[in-house]
């Protein structure tokens, strides 16, 4: 029952979304994120020191959802894979990004 989806926001705020299952939007979509929302995403990433987080948070468990976040802001870039035992602030950021992904005005990509 975990949501399976991928959202990519490009430098100019254009976005693509692929919803596989257990999400509001299933299939391929295009949209855009406002410049204000882009700044908010980066501000929230900076607030949790995203660029200083470990590259991977995992534990010897099975059947947990995995979230992969990659952010490039200017010359800074970092990827975090969150599976288990990650900081609460990262979990809050993941939830925030999920909400962003579900509230973009998506158009079906033909």
PDB file of N, CA and C in Angstrom:
ATOM      1  N   UNK A   1       0.809  -1.212   0.000  1.00  0.00           N
ATOM      2  CA  UNK A   1       0.000   0.000   0.000  1.00  0.00           C
ATOM      3  C   UNK A   1       0.847   1.269   0.000  1.00  0.00           C
ATOM      4  N   UNK A   2       2.158   1.135  -0.125  1.00  0.00           N
ATOM      5  CA  UNK A   2       3.023   2.318  -0.163  1.00  0.00           C
ATOM      6  C   UNK A   2       2.858   3.031  -1.505  1.00  0.00           C
ATOM      7  N   UNK A   3       2.893   4.366  -1.500  1.00  0.00           N
ATOM      8  CA  UNK A   3       2.867   5.080  -2.771  1.00  0.00           C
ATOM      9  C   UNK A   3       4.151   4.827  -3.550  1.00  0.00           C
ATOM     10  N   UNK A   4       4.009   4.615  -4.846  1.00  0.00           N
ATOM     11  CA  UNK A   4       5.166   4.406  -5.711  1.00  0.00           C
ATOM     12  C   UNK A   4       5.082   5.472  -6.802  1.00  0.00           C
ATOM     13  N   UNK A   5       6.008   6.410  -6.760  1.00  0.00           N
ATOM     14  CA  UNK A   5       5.981   7.514  -7.710  1.00  0.00           C
ATOM     15  C   UNK A   5       7.343   8.174  -7.794  1.00  0.00           C
ATOM     16  N   UNK A   6       7.497   8.999  -8.838  1.00  0.00           N
ATOM     17  CA  UNK A   6       8.738   9.733  -9.034  1.00  0.00           C
ATOM     18  C   UNK A   6       8.384  11.125  -9.537  1.00  0.00           C
ATOM     19  N   UNK A   7       8.934  12.137  -8.885  1.00  0.00           N
ATOM     20  CA  UNK A   7       8.768  13.510  -9.329  1.00  0.00           C
ATOM     21  C   UNK A   7      10.150  14.098  -9.558  1.00  0.00           C
ATOM     22  N   UNK A   8      10.292  14.787 -10.686  1.00  0.00           N
ATOM     23  CA  UNK A   8      11.531  15.483 -10.999  1.00  0.00           C
ATOM     24  C   UNK A   8      11.171  16.938 -11.262  1.00  0.00           C
ATOM     25  N   UNK A   9      11.823  17.842 -10.536  1.00  0.00           N
ATOM     26  CA  UNK A   9      11.647  19.272 -10.773  1.00  0.00           C
ATOM     27  C   UNK A   9      12.949  19.781 -11.367  1.00  0.00           C
ATOM     28  N   UNK A  10      12.853  20.355 -12.536  1.00  0.00           N
ATOM     29  CA  UNK A  10      14.030  20.849 -13.232  1.00  0.00           C
ATOM     30  C   UNK A  10      14.345  22.281 -12.810  1.00  0.00           C
ATOM     31  N   UNK A  11      15.515  22.742 -13.186  1.00  0.00           N
ATOM     32  CA  UNK A  11      16.025  24.047 -12.782  1.00  0.00           C
ATOM     33  C   UNK A  11      15.031  25.181 -13.047  1.00  0.00           C
ATOM     34  N   UNK A  12      14.335  25.145 -14.138  1.00  0.00           N
ATOM     35  CA  UNK A  12      13.395  26.218 -14.482  1.00  0.00           C
ATOM     36  C   UNK A  12      11.989  25.952 -13.952  1.00  0.00           C
ATOM     37  N   UNK A  13      11.874  25.049 -13.002  1.00  0.00           N
ATOM     38  CA  UNK A  13      10.639  24.721 -12.291  1.00  0.00           C
ATOM     39  C   UNK A  13       9.661  23.875 -13.092  1.00  0.00           C
ATOM     40  N   UNK A  14      10.043  23.439 -14.297  1.00  0.00           N
ATOM     41  CA  UNK A  14       9.229  22.455 -15.005  1.00  0.00           C
ATOM     42  C   UNK A  14       9.368  21.133 -14.258  1.00  0.00           C
ATOM     43  N   UNK A  15       8.314  20.352 -14.289  1.00  0.00           N
ATOM     44  CA  UNK A  15       8.339  19.114 -13.519  1.00  0.00           C
ATOM     45  C   UNK A  15       7.715  17.969 -14.299  1.00  0.00           C
ATOM     46  N   UNK A  16       8.191  16.773 -14.004  1.00  0.00           N
ATOM     47  CA  UNK A  16       7.572  15.558 -14.525  1.00  0.00           C
ATOM     48  C   UNK A  16       7.201  14.680 -13.334  1.00  0.00           C
ATOM     49  N   UNK A  17       6.205  13.869 -13.557  1.00  0.00           N
ATOM     50  CA  UNK A  17       5.717  13.002 -12.491  1.00  0.00           C
ATOM     51  C   UNK A  17       5.304  11.679 -13.117  1.00  0.00           C
ATOM     52  N   UNK A  18       5.716  10.616 -12.477  1.00  0.00           N
ATOM     53  CA  UNK A  18       5.227   9.286 -12.860  1.00  0.00           C
ATOM     54  C   UNK A  18       4.655   8.635 -11.610  1.00  0.00           C
ATOM     55  N   UNK A  19       3.368   8.388 -11.628  1.00  0.00           N
ATOM     56  CA  UNK A  19       2.710   7.691 -10.529  1.00  0.00           C
ATOM     57  C   UNK A  19       2.469   6.254 -10.919  1.00  0.00           C
ATOM     58  N   UNK A  20       3.024   5.336 -10.155  1.00  0.00           N
ATOM     59  CA  UNK A  20       2.899   3.916 -10.469  1.00  0.00           C
ATOM     60  C   UNK A  20       1.684   3.303  -9.778  1.00  0.00           C
ATOM     61  N   UNK A  21       1.601   3.486  -8.452  1.00  0.00           N
ATOM     62  CA  UNK A  21       0.453   2.922  -7.727  1.00  0.00           C
ATOM     63  C   UNK A  21       0.311   3.574  -6.353  1.00  0.00           C
ATOM     64  N   UNK A  22      -0.912   3.491  -5.833  1.00  0.00           N
ATOM     65  CA  UNK A  22      -1.255   4.006  -4.499  1.00  0.00           C
ATOM     66  C   UNK A  22      -0.992   5.510  -4.357  1.00  0.00           C
ATOM     67  N   UNK A  23      -1.215   6.244  -5.455  1.00  0.00           N
ATOM     68  CA  UNK A  23      -1.089   7.698  -5.462  1.00  0.00           C
ATOM     69  C   UNK A  23      -2.312   8.298  -6.158  1.00  0.00           C
ATOM     70  N   UNK A  24      -2.535   9.585  -5.940  1.00  0.00           N
ATOM     71  CA  UNK A  24      -3.674  10.269  -6.543  1.00  0.00           C
ATOM     72  C   UNK A  24      -3.570  10.302  -8.069  1.00  0.00           C
ATOM     73  N   UNK A  25      -2.359  10.451  -8.596  1.00  0.00           N
ATOM     74  CA  UNK A  25      -2.137  10.538 -10.037  1.00  0.00           C
ATOM     75  C   UNK A  25      -1.339   9.321 -10.499  1.00  0.00           C
ATOM     76  N   UNK A  26      -1.946   8.483 -11.322  1.00  0.00           N
ATOM     77  CA  UNK A  26      -1.236   7.337 -11.876  1.00  0.00           C
ATOM     78  C   UNK A  26      -0.967   7.590 -13.347  1.00  0.00           C
ATOM     79  N   UNK A  27       0.254   7.296 -13.785  1.00  0.00           N
ATOM     80  CA  UNK A  27       0.650   7.530 -15.164  1.00  0.00           C
ATOM     81  C   UNK A  27       1.702   8.619 -15.239  1.00  0.00           C
ATOM     82  N   UNK A  28       1.872   9.168 -16.444  1.00  0.00           N
ATOM     83  CA  UNK A  28       2.888  10.184 -16.682  1.00  0.00           C
ATOM     84  C   UNK A  28       2.247  11.553 -16.836  1.00  0.00           C
ATOM     85  N   UNK A  29       2.833  12.547 -16.155  1.00  0.00           N
ATOM     86  CA  UNK A  29       2.285  13.889 -16.143  1.00  0.00           C
ATOM     87  C   UNK A  29       3.406  14.917 -16.259  1.00  0.00           C
ATOM     88  N   UNK A  30       3.026  16.122 -16.698  1.00  0.00           N
ATOM     89  CA  UNK A  30       3.938  17.258 -16.698  1.00  0.00           C
ATOM     90  C   UNK A  30       3.261  18.400 -15.949  1.00  0.00           C
ATOM     91  N   UNK A  31       4.074  19.279 -15.401  1.00  0.00           N
ATOM     92  CA  UNK A  31       3.542  20.426 -14.675  1.00  0.00           C
ATOM     93  C   UNK A  31       4.662  21.386 -14.360  1.00  0.00           C
ATOM     94  N   UNK A  32       4.390  22.291 -13.466  1.00  0.00           N
ATOM     95  CA  UNK A  32       5.434  23.213 -13.034  1.00  0.00           C
ATOM     96  C   UNK A  32       5.213  23.570 -11.575  1.00  0.00           C
ATOM     97  N   UNK A  33       6.297  23.951 -10.951  1.00  0.00           N
ATOM     98  CA  UNK A  33       6.288  24.363  -9.556  1.00  0.00           C
ATOM     99  C   UNK A  33       6.604  25.856  -9.550  1.00  0.00           C
ATOM    100  N   UNK A  34       5.877  26.611  -8.777  1.00  0.00           N
ATOM    101  CA  UNK A  34       6.080  28.057  -8.755  1.00  0.00           C
ATOM    102  C   UNK A  34       7.478  28.404  -8.235  1.00  0.00           C
ATOM    103  N   UNK A  35       8.024  29.535  -8.669  1.00  0.00           N
ATOM    104  CA  UNK A  35       9.324  29.970  -8.135  1.00  0.00           C
ATOM    105  C   UNK A  35       9.296  30.090  -6.602  1.00  0.00           C
ATOM    106  N   UNK A  36       8.163  30.521  -6.063  1.00  0.00           N
ATOM    107  CA  UNK A  36       8.024  30.624  -4.606  1.00  0.00           C
ATOM    108  C   UNK A  36       8.157  29.246  -3.957  1.00  0.00           C
ATOM    109  N   UNK A  37       7.513  28.239  -4.544  1.00  0.00           N
ATOM    110  CA  UNK A  37       7.580  26.871  -4.002  1.00  0.00           C
ATOM    111  C   UNK A  37       8.990  26.313  -4.140  1.00  0.00           C
ATOM    112  N   UNK A  38       9.658  26.628  -5.262  1.00  0.00           N
ATOM    113  CA  UNK A  38      11.051  26.182  -5.440  1.00  0.00           C
ATOM    114  C   UNK A  38      11.933  26.744  -4.327  1.00  0.00           C
ATOM    115  N   UNK A  39      11.780  28.023  -4.034  1.00  0.00           N
ATOM    116  CA  UNK A  39      12.560  28.651  -2.963  1.00  0.00           C
ATOM    117  C   UNK A  39      12.239  28.007  -1.622  1.00  0.00           C
ATOM    118  N   UNK A  40      10.966  27.679  -1.422  1.00  0.00           N
ATOM    119  CA  UNK A  40      10.538  27.046  -0.170  1.00  0.00           C
ATOM    120  C   UNK A  40      11.178  25.659  -0.027  1.00  0.00           C
ATOM    121  N   UNK A  41      11.214  24.894  -1.103  1.00  0.00           N
ATOM    122  CA  UNK A  41      11.831  23.562  -1.064  1.00  0.00           C
ATOM    123  C   UNK A  41      13.304  23.681  -0.676  1.00  0.00           C
ATOM    124  N   UNK A  42      14.022  24.584  -1.332  1.00  0.00           N
ATOM    125  CA  UNK A  42      15.448  24.765  -1.032  1.00  0.00           C
ATOM    126  C   UNK A  42      15.632  25.270   0.391  1.00  0.00           C
ATOM    127  N   UNK A  43      14.775  26.181   0.833  1.00  0.00           N
ATOM    128  CA  UNK A  43      14.870  26.700   2.205  1.00  0.00           C
ATOM    129  C   UNK A  43      14.660  25.575   3.214  1.00  0.00           C
ATOM    130  N   UNK A  44      13.695  24.704   2.962  1.00  0.00           N
ATOM    131  CA  UNK A  44      13.455  23.584   3.878  1.00  0.00           C
ATOM    132  C   UNK A  44      14.618  22.597   3.848  1.00  0.00           C
ATOM    133  N   UNK A  45      15.185  22.374   2.659  1.00  0.00           N
ATOM    134  CA  UNK A  45      16.353  21.496   2.557  1.00  0.00           C
ATOM    135  C   UNK A  45      17.517  22.079   3.367  1.00  0.00           C
ATOM    136  N   UNK A  46      17.742  23.369   3.221  1.00  0.00           N
ATOM    137  CA  UNK A  46      18.822  24.018   3.974  1.00  0.00           C
ATOM    138  C   UNK A  46      18.555  24.006   5.476  1.00  0.00           C
ATOM    139  N   UNK A  47      17.287  24.145   5.866  1.00  0.00           N
ATOM    140  CA  UNK A  47      16.929  24.157   7.294  1.00  0.00           C
ATOM    141  C   UNK A  47      17.263  22.831   7.976  1.00  0.00           C
ATOM    142  N   UNK A  48      17.206  21.734   7.217  1.00  0.00           N
ATOM    143  CA  UNK A  48      17.546  20.425   7.811  1.00  0.00           C
ATOM    144  C   UNK A  48      18.983  20.019   7.479  1.00  0.00           C
ATOM    145  N   UNK A  49      19.747  20.956   6.904  1.00  0.00           N
ATOM    146  CA  UNK A  49      21.136  20.670   6.506  1.00  0.00           C
ATOM    147  C   UNK A  49      21.207  19.473   5.565  1.00  0.00           C
ATOM    148  N   UNK A  50      20.303  19.467   4.586  1.00  0.00           N
ATOM    149  CA  UNK A  50      20.211  18.354   3.647  1.00  0.00           C
ATOM    150  C   UNK A  50      21.560  17.996   3.029  1.00  0.00           C
ATOM    151  N   UNK A  51      22.339  18.996   2.653  1.00  0.00           N
ATOM    152  CA  UNK A  51      23.594  18.748   1.948  1.00  0.00           C
ATOM    153  C   UNK A  51      24.668  18.141   2.854  1.00  0.00           C
ATOM    154  N   UNK A  52      24.401  18.098   4.157  1.00  0.00           N
ATOM    155  CA  UNK A  52      25.324  17.489   5.113  1.00  0.00           C
ATOM    156  C   UNK A  52      24.828  16.137   5.628  1.00  0.00           C
ATOM    157  N   UNK A  53      23.645  15.717   5.206  1.00  0.00           N
ATOM    158  CA  UNK A  53      23.105  14.440   5.663  1.00  0.00           C
ATOM    159  C   UNK A  53      23.910  13.281   5.080  1.00  0.00           C
ATOM    160  N   UNK A  54      23.819  12.136   5.742  1.00  0.00           N
ATOM    161  CA  UNK A  54      24.444  10.917   5.225  1.00  0.00           C
ATOM    162  C   UNK A  54      23.826  10.592   3.867  1.00  0.00           C
ATOM    163  N   UNK A  55      24.561   9.900   3.041  1.00  0.00           N
ATOM    164  CA  UNK A  55      24.058   9.513   1.716  1.00  0.00           C
ATOM    165  C   UNK A  55      22.995   8.421   1.817  1.00  0.00           C
ATOM    166  N   UNK A  56      23.042   7.630   2.883  1.00  0.00           N
ATOM    167  CA  UNK A  56      22.105   6.515   3.011  1.00  0.00           C
ATOM    168  C   UNK A  56      21.767   6.268   4.468  1.00  0.00           C
ATOM    169  N   UNK A  57      20.473   6.055   4.709  1.00  0.00           N
ATOM    170  CA  UNK A  57      19.988   5.655   6.028  1.00  0.00           C
ATOM    171  C   UNK A  57      19.282   4.316   5.846  1.00  0.00           C
ATOM    172  N   UNK A  58      19.820   3.304   6.477  1.00  0.00           N
ATOM    173  CA  UNK A  58      19.265   1.973   6.299  1.00  0.00           C
ATOM    174  C   UNK A  58      19.397   1.183   7.594  1.00  0.00           C
ATOM    175  N   UNK A  59      18.813   0.031   7.622  1.00  0.00           N
ATOM    176  CA  UNK A  59      18.883  -0.879   8.772  1.00  0.00           C
ATOM    177  C   UNK A  59      18.528  -2.273   8.262  1.00  0.00           C
ATOM    178  N   UNK A  60      18.923  -3.302   9.022  1.00  0.00           N
ATOM    179  CA  UNK A  60      18.623  -4.677   8.580  1.00  0.00           C
ATOM    180  C   UNK A  60      17.149  -5.023   8.819  1.00  0.00           C
ATOM    181  N   UNK A  61      16.274  -4.414   8.030  1.00  0.00           N
ATOM    182  CA  UNK A  61      14.831  -4.653   8.101  1.00  0.00           C
ATOM    183  C   UNK A  61      14.342  -4.867   6.675  1.00  0.00           C
ATOM    184  N   UNK A  62      13.158  -5.407   6.557  1.00  0.00           N
ATOM    185  CA  UNK A  62      12.580  -5.581   5.226  1.00  0.00           C
ATOM    186  C   UNK A  62      11.224  -4.913   5.156  1.00  0.00           C
ATOM    187  N   UNK A  63      10.812  -4.637   3.922  1.00  0.00           N
ATOM    188  CA  UNK A  63       9.468  -4.157   3.599  1.00  0.00           C
ATOM    189  C   UNK A  63       9.161  -2.755   4.131  1.00  0.00           C
ATOM    190  N   UNK A  64      10.153  -1.879   4.131  1.00  0.00           N
ATOM    191  CA  UNK A  64       9.910  -0.476   4.449  1.00  0.00           C
ATOM    192  C   UNK A  64       9.975   0.329   3.157  1.00  0.00           C
ATOM    193  N   UNK A  65       9.273   1.444   3.090  1.00  0.00           N
ATOM    194  CA  UNK A  65       9.369   2.272   1.889  1.00  0.00           C
ATOM    195  C   UNK A  65      10.744   2.932   1.793  1.00  0.00           C
ATOM    196  N   UNK A  66      11.198   3.141   0.588  1.00  0.00           N
ATOM    197  CA  UNK A  66      12.473   3.811   0.340  1.00  0.00           C
ATOM    198  C   UNK A  66      12.201   5.110  -0.395  1.00  0.00           C
ATOM    199  N   UNK A  67      12.816   6.175   0.046  1.00  0.00           N
ATOM    200  CA  UNK A  67      12.722   7.468  -0.609  1.00  0.00           C
ATOM    201  C   UNK A  67      14.118   7.897  -1.024  1.00  0.00           C
ATOM    202  N   UNK A  68      14.252   8.322  -2.279  1.00  0.00           N
ATOM    203  CA  UNK A  68      15.519   8.839  -2.775  1.00  0.00           C
ATOM    204  C   UNK A  68      15.299  10.301  -3.159  1.00  0.00           C
ATOM    205  N   UNK A  69      16.086  11.180  -2.567  1.00  0.00           N
ATOM    206  CA  UNK A  69      15.981  12.614  -2.846  1.00  0.00           C
ATOM    207  C   UNK A  69      17.326  13.083  -3.379  1.00  0.00           C
ATOM    208  N   UNK A  70      17.287  13.735  -4.524  1.00  0.00           N
ATOM    209  CA  UNK A  70      18.490  14.324  -5.106  1.00  0.00           C
ATOM    210  C   UNK A  70      18.198  15.808  -5.309  1.00  0.00           C
ATOM    211  N   UNK A  71      19.076  16.653  -4.782  1.00  0.00           N
ATOM    212  CA  UNK A  71      18.916  18.095  -4.945  1.00  0.00           C
ATOM    213  C   UNK A  71      20.219  18.681  -5.449  1.00  0.00           C
ATOM    214  N   UNK A  72      20.072  19.524  -6.458  1.00  0.00           N
ATOM    215  CA  UNK A  72      21.204  20.320  -6.933  1.00  0.00           C
ATOM    216  C   UNK A  72      20.788  21.776  -6.818  1.00  0.00           C
ATOM    217  N   UNK A  73      21.569  22.551  -6.089  1.00  0.00           N
ATOM    218  CA  UNK A  73      21.315  23.979  -5.900  1.00  0.00           C
ATOM    219  C   UNK A  73      22.621  24.713  -6.177  1.00  0.00           C
ATOM    220  N   UNK A  74      22.719  25.276  -7.367  1.00  0.00           N
ATOM    221  CA  UNK A  74      23.983  25.900  -7.754  1.00  0.00           C
ATOM    222  C   UNK A  74      25.062  24.843  -7.870  1.00  0.00           C
ATOM    223  N   UNK A  75      26.161  25.046  -7.155  1.00  0.00           N
ATOM    224  CA  UNK A  75      27.265  24.081  -7.181  1.00  0.00           C
ATOM    225  C   UNK A  75      27.086  22.954  -6.173  1.00  0.00           C
ATOM    226  N   UNK A  76      26.097  23.079  -5.291  1.00  0.00           N
ATOM    227  CA  UNK A  76      25.859  22.040  -4.291  1.00  0.00           C
ATOM    228  C   UNK A  76      24.937  20.980  -4.872  1.00  0.00           C
ATOM    229  N   UNK A  77      25.292  19.718  -4.643  1.00  0.00           N
ATOM    230  CA  UNK A  77      24.411  18.623  -5.025  1.00  0.00           C
ATOM    231  C   UNK A  77      24.598  17.487  -4.041  1.00  0.00           C
ATOM    232  N   UNK A  78      23.504  16.788  -3.786  1.00  0.00           N
ATOM    233  CA  UNK A  78      23.560  15.711  -2.801  1.00  0.00           C
ATOM    234  C   UNK A  78      22.373  14.784  -3.024  1.00  0.00           C
ATOM    235  N   UNK A  79      22.600  13.495  -2.785  1.00  0.00           N
ATOM    236  CA  UNK A  79      21.534  12.504  -2.857  1.00  0.00           C
ATOM    237  C   UNK A  79      21.463  11.774  -1.534  1.00  0.00           C
ATOM    238  N   UNK A  80      20.242  11.573  -1.064  1.00  0.00           N
ATOM    239  CA  UNK A  80      20.007  10.832   0.178  1.00  0.00           C
ATOM    240  C   UNK A  80      19.013   9.717  -0.113  1.00  0.00           C
ATOM    241  N   UNK A  81      19.351   8.510   0.315  1.00  0.00           N
ATOM    242  CA  UNK A  81      18.438   7.378   0.257  1.00  0.00           C
ATOM    243  C   UNK A  81      17.977   7.110   1.684  1.00  0.00           C
ATOM    244  N   UNK A  82      16.680   7.237   1.893  1.00  0.00           N
ATOM    245  CA  UNK A  82      16.105   7.068   3.233  1.00  0.00           C
ATOM    246  C   UNK A  82      15.262   5.799   3.270  1.00  0.00           C
ATOM    247  N   UNK A  83      15.740   4.813   4.001  1.00  0.00           N
ATOM    248  CA  UNK A  83      15.019   3.556   4.153  1.00  0.00           C
ATOM    249  C   UNK A  83      14.592   3.353   5.602  1.00  0.00           C
ATOM    250  N   UNK A  84      15.515   3.554   6.530  1.00  0.00           N
ATOM    251  CA  UNK A  84      15.204   3.337   7.951  1.00  0.00           C
ATOM    252  C   UNK A  84      16.179   4.126   8.805  1.00  0.00           C
ATOM    253  N   UNK A  85      15.748   4.407  10.014  1.00  0.00           N
ATOM    254  CA  UNK A  85      16.585   5.053  11.026  1.00  0.00           C
ATOM    255  C   UNK A  85      17.203   6.368  10.550  1.00  0.00           C
ATOM    256  N   UNK A  86      16.374   7.173   9.896  1.00  0.00           N
ATOM    257  CA  UNK A  86      16.832   8.489   9.465  1.00  0.00           C
ATOM    258  C   UNK A  86      16.292   9.554  10.422  1.00  0.00           C
ATOM    259  N   UNK A  87      16.900  10.744  10.408  1.00  0.00           N
ATOM    260  CA  UNK A  87      16.465  11.800  11.333  1.00  0.00           C
ATOM    261  C   UNK A  87      15.007  12.204  11.098  1.00  0.00           C
ATOM    262  N   UNK A  88      14.338  12.583  12.172  1.00  0.00           N
ATOM    263  CA  UNK A  88      12.942  13.013  12.089  1.00  0.00           C
ATOM    264  C   UNK A  88      12.782  14.164  11.101  1.00  0.00           C
ATOM    265  N   UNK A  89      13.739  15.078  11.087  1.00  0.00           N
ATOM    266  CA  UNK A  89      13.661  16.224  10.185  1.00  0.00           C
ATOM    267  C   UNK A  89      13.650  15.782   8.722  1.00  0.00           C
ATOM    268  N   UNK A  90      14.393  14.736   8.409  1.00  0.00           N
ATOM    269  CA  UNK A  90      14.382  14.194   7.053  1.00  0.00           C
ATOM    270  C   UNK A  90      13.018  13.575   6.758  1.00  0.00           C
ATOM    271  N   UNK A  91      12.455  12.868   7.717  1.00  0.00           N
ATOM    272  CA  UNK A  91      11.121  12.296   7.544  1.00  0.00           C
ATOM    273  C   UNK A  91      10.076  13.372   7.295  1.00  0.00           C
ATOM    274  N   UNK A  92      10.183  14.486   8.011  1.00  0.00           N
ATOM    275  CA  UNK A  92       9.263  15.602   7.806  1.00  0.00           C
ATOM    276  C   UNK A  92       9.438  16.197   6.409  1.00  0.00           C
ATOM    277  N   UNK A  93      10.691  16.288   5.944  1.00  0.00           N
ATOM    278  CA  UNK A  93      10.977  16.813   4.614  1.00  0.00           C
ATOM    279  C   UNK A  93      10.413  15.878   3.545  1.00  0.00           C
ATOM    280  N   UNK A  94      10.538  14.587   3.750  1.00  0.00           N
ATOM    281  CA  UNK A  94       9.969  13.606   2.823  1.00  0.00           C
ATOM    282  C   UNK A  94       8.454  13.789   2.731  1.00  0.00           C
ATOM    283  N   UNK A  95       7.798  13.933   3.870  1.00  0.00           N
ATOM    284  CA  UNK A  95       6.340  14.135   3.885  1.00  0.00           C
ATOM    285  C   UNK A  95       5.970  15.432   3.160  1.00  0.00           C
ATOM    286  N   UNK A  96       6.761  16.476   3.377  1.00  0.00           N
ATOM    287  CA  UNK A  96       6.525  17.759   2.712  1.00  0.00           C
ATOM    288  C   UNK A  96       6.649  17.592   1.193  1.00  0.00           C
ATOM    289  N   UNK A  97       7.701  16.934   0.722  1.00  0.00           N
ATOM    290  CA  UNK A  97       7.886  16.740  -0.713  1.00  0.00           C
ATOM    291  C   UNK A  97       6.762  15.898  -1.319  1.00  0.00           C
ATOM    292  N   UNK A  98       6.277  14.925  -0.563  1.00  0.00           N
ATOM    293  CA  UNK A  98       5.144  14.125  -1.046  1.00  0.00           C
ATOM    294  C   UNK A  98       3.923  15.019  -1.241  1.00  0.00           C
ATOM    295  N   UNK A  99       3.662  15.888  -0.268  1.00  0.00           N
ATOM    296  CA  UNK A  99       2.534  16.816  -0.386  1.00  0.00           C
ATOM    297  C   UNK A  99       2.706  17.727  -1.599  1.00  0.00           C
ATOM    298  N   UNK A 100       3.917  18.226  -1.813  1.00  0.00           N
ATOM    299  CA  UNK A 100       4.182  19.049  -2.995  1.00  0.00           C
ATOM    300  C   UNK A 100       3.837  18.260  -4.252  1.00  0.00           C
ATOM    301  N   UNK A 101       4.297  17.014  -4.325  1.00  0.00           N
ATOM    302  CA  UNK A 101       4.078  16.206  -5.524  1.00  0.00           C
ATOM    303  C   UNK A 101       2.596  15.960  -5.794  1.00  0.00           C
ATOM    304  N   UNK A 102       1.804  15.906  -4.765  1.00  0.00           N
ATOM    305  CA  UNK A 102       0.383  15.609  -4.929  1.00  0.00           C
ATOM    306  C   UNK A 102      -0.468  16.862  -5.138  1.00  0.00           C
ATOM    307  N   UNK A 103       0.162  18.036  -5.054  1.00  0.00           N
ATOM    308  CA  UNK A 103      -0.591  19.280  -5.185  1.00  0.00           C
ATOM    309  C   UNK A 103      -0.137  20.164  -6.339  1.00  0.00           C
ATOM    310  N   UNK A 104       0.636  19.612  -7.248  1.00  0.00           N
ATOM    311  CA  UNK A 104       0.988  20.322  -8.481  1.00  0.00           C
ATOM    312  C   UNK A 104      -0.197  20.179  -9.440  1.00  0.00           C
ATOM    313  N   UNK A 105      -0.397  21.172 -10.270  1.00  0.00           N
ATOM    314  CA  UNK A 105      -1.451  21.103 -11.288  1.00  0.00           C
ATOM    315  C   UNK A 105      -0.916  20.273 -12.464  1.00  0.00           C
ATOM    316  N   UNK A 106      -0.999  18.944 -12.333  1.00  0.00           N
ATOM    317  CA  UNK A 106      -0.431  18.040 -13.334  1.00  0.00           C
ATOM    318  C   UNK A 106      -1.338  17.935 -14.557  1.00  0.00           C
ATOM    319  N   UNK A 107      -0.711  17.832 -15.726  1.00  0.00           N
ATOM    320  CA  UNK A 107      -1.414  17.569 -16.976  1.00  0.00           C
ATOM    321  C   UNK A 107      -0.918  16.228 -17.519  1.00  0.00           C
ATOM    322  N   UNK A 108      -1.839  15.441 -17.998  1.00  0.00           N
ATOM    323  CA  UNK A 108      -1.480  14.120 -18.537  1.00  0.00           C
ATOM    324  C   UNK A 108      -0.487  14.297 -19.668  1.00  0.00           C
ATOM    325  N   UNK A 109       0.632  13.573 -19.605  1.00  0.00           N
ATOM    326  CA  UNK A 109       1.661  13.619 -20.633  1.00  0.00           C
ATOM    327  C   UNK A 109       1.357  12.529 -21.648  1.00  0.00           C
ATOM    328  N   UNK A 110       0.990  12.914 -22.849  1.00  0.00           N
ATOM    329  CA  UNK A 110       0.600  11.952 -23.877  1.00  0.00           C
ATOM    330  C   UNK A 110       1.787  11.325 -24.524  1.00  0.00           C
TER     331      UNK A 110
END
